[in-house]
Structures are given as structure tokens and as C-alpha cells.
Amino acid sequence: MDIILLIVGFALMLLGIIGSFLPILPGPLTSWFGFLVLQYTSIVPFNWGFLGVTLAIAIIIWMIDYLIPAIGSKKFGGSKYGAYGTTIGLIIGLLSPIPFGIVIGAFLGAFLGELIFNNSTTKRAVKAAVGSLLGLLASSALKFFVSVVFFVLFVLQFWDYKSDFLSLF
């Protein structure tokens, strides 16, 4: 059972890293569930303090993730319609077969949201779209960084007990 939990925890860690770039999967929060699964093995001692701190970090990053693109759009003169357009564009871009569809979708979504629903000029809509895109990239970079740190901590926890895990084979 411990091997299965280790594999599931590792898979959740990888999903967390991938989720850093997907708007439908909360990266660091998914990675945190990898920690939780690892803690339920009979080999790694359960550590409430470690789980609590990493959960708090994951939740803070999850909340910030929704704010950063909107802040980027607002800083560049965008409105809530640009932020809505960014989210819709992200989802459409995610589902499209176009390379970098998420980035293109976010930009076009913010641009069209500003242009159509806010009656913005083209120049203002482009500026807001750039702000939204920069916010998206900053948010993704932050989630990626935290998810990679979580992955490294997962590997270090495994490494501390590797001989116990390897004895299961």
C-alpha cells in the first residue's frame, strides 16, 4: 500500500507542476495533496506542522492566482470585462490545439472583453490585454515556483526514507 501511496503522491506533485499553467487545476494545492498522501504512508511520520504551513502557502497562492491577472489588467487600464475575457480566453485557449493557446487566448479574451463590452479604443484594449497577459504570466510563474519547491520537498522527504521504501520491493 505504501508504494501505491508514494506513486499517487508523486503523480499529484507532477500534476501540481502541470497545473501551474492550467487554469482549471490549482497547481500548488494539487501538489499539497501529494504531501498529504505521502504523510499517510506507514514509513513517513505524520507531520501536522509541515502540512499546515505548506497548506497555508498553497491556499495563499491559490487566492493570489485569481488576483494577479486582474491587478495586471487594472494597472494597465483594464476593466472587469478584460479580466472576464482573460478567463474565458484561457479556457478556450486551453481547449484549442494551437501552440501557446492559453497565452493567445488570454490576450485575445482580454482584448475582446475590453473592446466589445467596455467600448474601449483599440489602443486601450491592447494595453489592458497586455496587462492581463503579464498578470497571467506572473501568476503562472509564481505557481510554478511554489509547485517546484513542493516537489523538491517531496523528493527530500522520500530521500530521507528511501531505504525503507526500497525495502518494500
Protein backbone atom coordinates (compact mmCIF):
# COMPACT_ATOMS: atom_id res chain seq x y z
CA MET A 1 0.00 0.00 0.00
CA ASP A 2 2.88 2.38 0.76
CA ILE A 3 4.22 2.05 -2.78
CA ILE A 4 0.82 2.96 -4.20
CA LEU A 5 0.61 6.00 -1.90
CA LEU A 6 4.12 7.04 -2.92
CA ILE A 7 3.22 6.77 -6.62
CA VAL A 8 -0.05 8.68 -6.14
CA GLY A 9 1.77 11.38 -4.16
CA PHE A 10 4.43 11.67 -6.87
CA ALA A 11 1.72 11.87 -9.56
CA LEU A 12 -0.05 14.64 -7.62
CA MET A 13 3.24 16.53 -7.41
CA LEU A 14 3.68 16.31 -11.18
CA LEU A 15 0.05 17.33 -11.73
CA GLY A 16 0.68 20.32 -9.48
CA ILE A 17 3.57 21.45 -11.66
CA ILE A 18 1.46 20.99 -14.79
CA GLY A 19 -1.42 22.75 -13.05
CA SER A 20 0.72 25.84 -12.69
CA PHE A 21 -0.08 26.56 -16.32
CA LEU A 22 -3.64 25.26 -16.49
CA PRO A 23 -6.42 27.50 -15.19
CA ILE A 24 -8.63 24.56 -14.21
CA LEU A 25 -6.10 22.83 -11.94
CA PRO A 26 -4.74 24.63 -8.87
CA GLY A 27 -1.03 23.78 -9.07
CA PRO A 28 0.33 24.26 -5.54
CA LEU A 29 -2.86 22.97 -3.95
CA THR A 30 -2.68 19.81 -6.06
CA SER A 31 0.98 19.43 -5.07
CA TRP A 32 -0.01 19.79 -1.43
CA PHE A 33 -2.29 16.77 -1.75
CA GLY A 34 0.86 14.90 -2.81
CA PHE A 35 2.36 15.79 0.58
CA LEU A 36 -0.80 14.65 2.33
CA VAL A 37 -0.75 11.28 0.57
CA LEU A 38 2.94 10.80 1.39
CA GLN A 39 2.22 11.52 5.05
CA TYR A 40 -0.29 8.66 5.10
CA THR A 41 2.35 6.07 4.29
CA SER A 42 3.44 3.98 7.23
CA ILE A 43 7.05 5.00 6.54
CA VAL A 44 6.96 8.80 6.67
CA PRO A 45 5.98 10.11 10.12
CA PHE A 46 2.90 12.34 10.03
CA ASN A 47 3.89 15.99 10.49
CA TRP A 48 0.98 18.34 11.15
CA GLY A 49 3.23 21.40 11.31
CA PHE A 50 4.72 20.76 7.89
CA LEU A 51 1.31 20.05 6.37
CA GLY A 52 -0.19 23.14 7.98
CA VAL A 53 2.50 25.52 6.73
CA THR A 54 2.52 24.10 3.21
CA LEU A 55 -1.30 24.14 3.09
CA ALA A 56 -1.34 27.78 4.15
CA ILE A 57 1.16 28.62 1.40
CA ALA A 58 -0.86 26.67 -1.18
CA ILE A 59 -4.11 28.43 -0.22
CA ILE A 60 -2.48 31.88 -0.28
CA ILE A 61 -1.03 31.20 -3.74
CA TRP A 62 -4.42 29.87 -4.89
CA MET A 63 -6.13 33.10 -3.78
CA ILE A 64 -3.42 35.32 -5.23
CA ASP A 65 -3.72 33.45 -8.51
CA TYR A 66 -7.15 34.99 -9.06
CA LEU A 67 -5.97 38.48 -8.18
CA ILE A 68 -2.74 38.87 -10.16
CA PRO A 69 -4.20 38.85 -13.72
CA ALA A 70 -6.94 41.26 -12.65
CA ILE A 71 -4.38 43.52 -10.98
CA GLY A 72 -2.24 43.41 -14.12
CA SER A 73 -5.22 44.37 -16.24
CA LYS A 74 -6.22 47.19 -13.87
CA LYS A 75 -2.66 48.56 -13.73
CA PHE A 76 -2.71 48.82 -17.50
CA GLY A 77 -6.15 50.48 -17.59
CA GLY A 78 -8.38 47.44 -17.98
CA SER A 79 -11.80 46.79 -16.53
CA LYS A 80 -13.59 43.76 -15.12
CA TYR A 81 -14.58 42.87 -18.69
CA GLY A 82 -10.93 42.46 -19.60
CA ALA A 83 -10.47 40.17 -16.59
CA TYR A 84 -13.54 38.13 -17.58
CA GLY A 85 -12.29 37.97 -21.15
CA THR A 86 -8.92 36.74 -19.91
CA THR A 87 -10.53 33.85 -18.03
CA ILE A 88 -12.76 32.88 -20.95
CA GLY A 89 -9.80 33.16 -23.33
CA LEU A 90 -7.70 30.96 -21.04
CA ILE A 91 -10.29 28.21 -21.11
CA ILE A 92 -10.79 28.42 -24.87
CA GLY A 93 -7.02 28.54 -25.38
CA LEU A 94 -6.58 25.50 -23.16
CA LEU A 95 -9.01 23.52 -25.29
CA SER A 96 -7.56 24.67 -28.60
CA PRO A 97 -4.89 22.71 -30.48
CA ILE A 98 -2.95 25.92 -31.15
CA PRO A 99 0.55 26.04 -29.61
CA PHE A 100 0.58 28.60 -26.79
CA GLY A 101 -3.23 28.63 -26.97
CA ILE A 102 -3.50 29.63 -23.32
CA VAL A 103 -1.36 32.73 -23.81
CA ILE A 104 -3.02 33.71 -27.09
CA GLY A 105 -6.48 33.02 -25.64
CA ALA A 106 -5.81 35.13 -22.55
CA PHE A 107 -4.57 38.03 -24.64
CA LEU A 108 -7.42 37.86 -27.16
CA GLY A 109 -10.01 37.36 -24.43
CA ALA A 110 -8.88 40.45 -22.54
CA PHE A 111 -8.64 42.43 -25.77
CA LEU A 112 -12.13 41.46 -26.94
CA GLY A 113 -13.62 41.91 -23.48
CA GLU A 114 -12.33 45.46 -23.34
CA LEU A 115 -13.15 46.28 -26.93
CA ILE A 116 -16.69 44.88 -27.06
CA PHE A 117 -18.10 45.25 -23.56
CA ASN A 118 -16.24 48.32 -22.32
CA ASN A 119 -16.35 50.24 -25.61
CA SER A 120 -12.62 50.87 -25.30
CA THR A 121 -10.44 52.16 -28.07
CA THR A 122 -8.17 49.63 -29.74
CA LYS A 123 -5.12 51.18 -28.09
CA ARG A 124 -6.66 50.97 -24.62
CA ALA A 125 -7.90 47.43 -25.23
CA VAL A 126 -4.40 46.30 -26.31
CA LYS A 127 -2.88 47.95 -23.25
CA ALA A 128 -5.34 46.21 -20.94
CA ALA A 129 -4.77 42.90 -22.72
CA VAL A 130 -1.01 43.25 -22.26
CA GLY A 131 -1.54 43.93 -18.55
CA SER A 132 -3.78 40.92 -18.21
CA LEU A 133 -1.29 38.74 -20.07
CA LEU A 134 1.59 39.94 -17.87
CA GLY A 135 -0.54 39.20 -14.81
CA LEU A 136 -1.25 35.71 -16.12
CA LEU A 137 2.43 35.05 -16.78
CA ALA A 138 3.42 36.37 -13.34
CA SER A 139 0.76 34.24 -11.68
CA SER A 140 1.83 31.12 -13.59
CA ALA A 141 5.49 31.76 -12.72
CA LEU A 142 4.63 32.09 -9.03
CA LYS A 143 2.56 28.87 -9.05
CA PHE A 144 5.29 27.04 -10.96
CA PHE A 145 7.95 28.16 -8.49
CA VAL A 146 5.92 27.06 -5.46
CA SER A 147 4.98 23.74 -7.09
CA VAL A 148 8.62 23.01 -7.92
CA VAL A 149 9.66 23.85 -4.35
CA PHE A 150 6.93 21.49 -3.11
CA PHE A 151 8.21 18.81 -5.48
CA VAL A 152 11.77 19.22 -4.17
CA LEU A 153 10.50 18.97 -0.58
CA PHE A 154 8.57 15.82 -1.55
CA VAL A 155 11.70 14.27 -3.04
CA LEU A 156 13.72 15.24 0.04
CA GLN A 157 11.13 13.61 2.31
CA PHE A 158 11.22 10.48 0.17
CA TRP A 159 15.03 10.56 0.19
CA ASP A 160 15.11 10.60 3.99
CA TYR A 161 13.19 7.30 4.00
CA LYS A 162 14.33 5.82 0.67
CA SER A 163 15.83 2.70 2.23
CA ASP A 164 12.51 1.96 3.97
CA PHE A 165 10.59 2.44 0.71
CA LEU A 166 13.09 0.36 -1.30
CA SER A 167 12.85 -2.47 1.23
CA LEU A 168 9.19 -2.85 0.18
CA PHE A 169 10.24 -4.19 -3.22
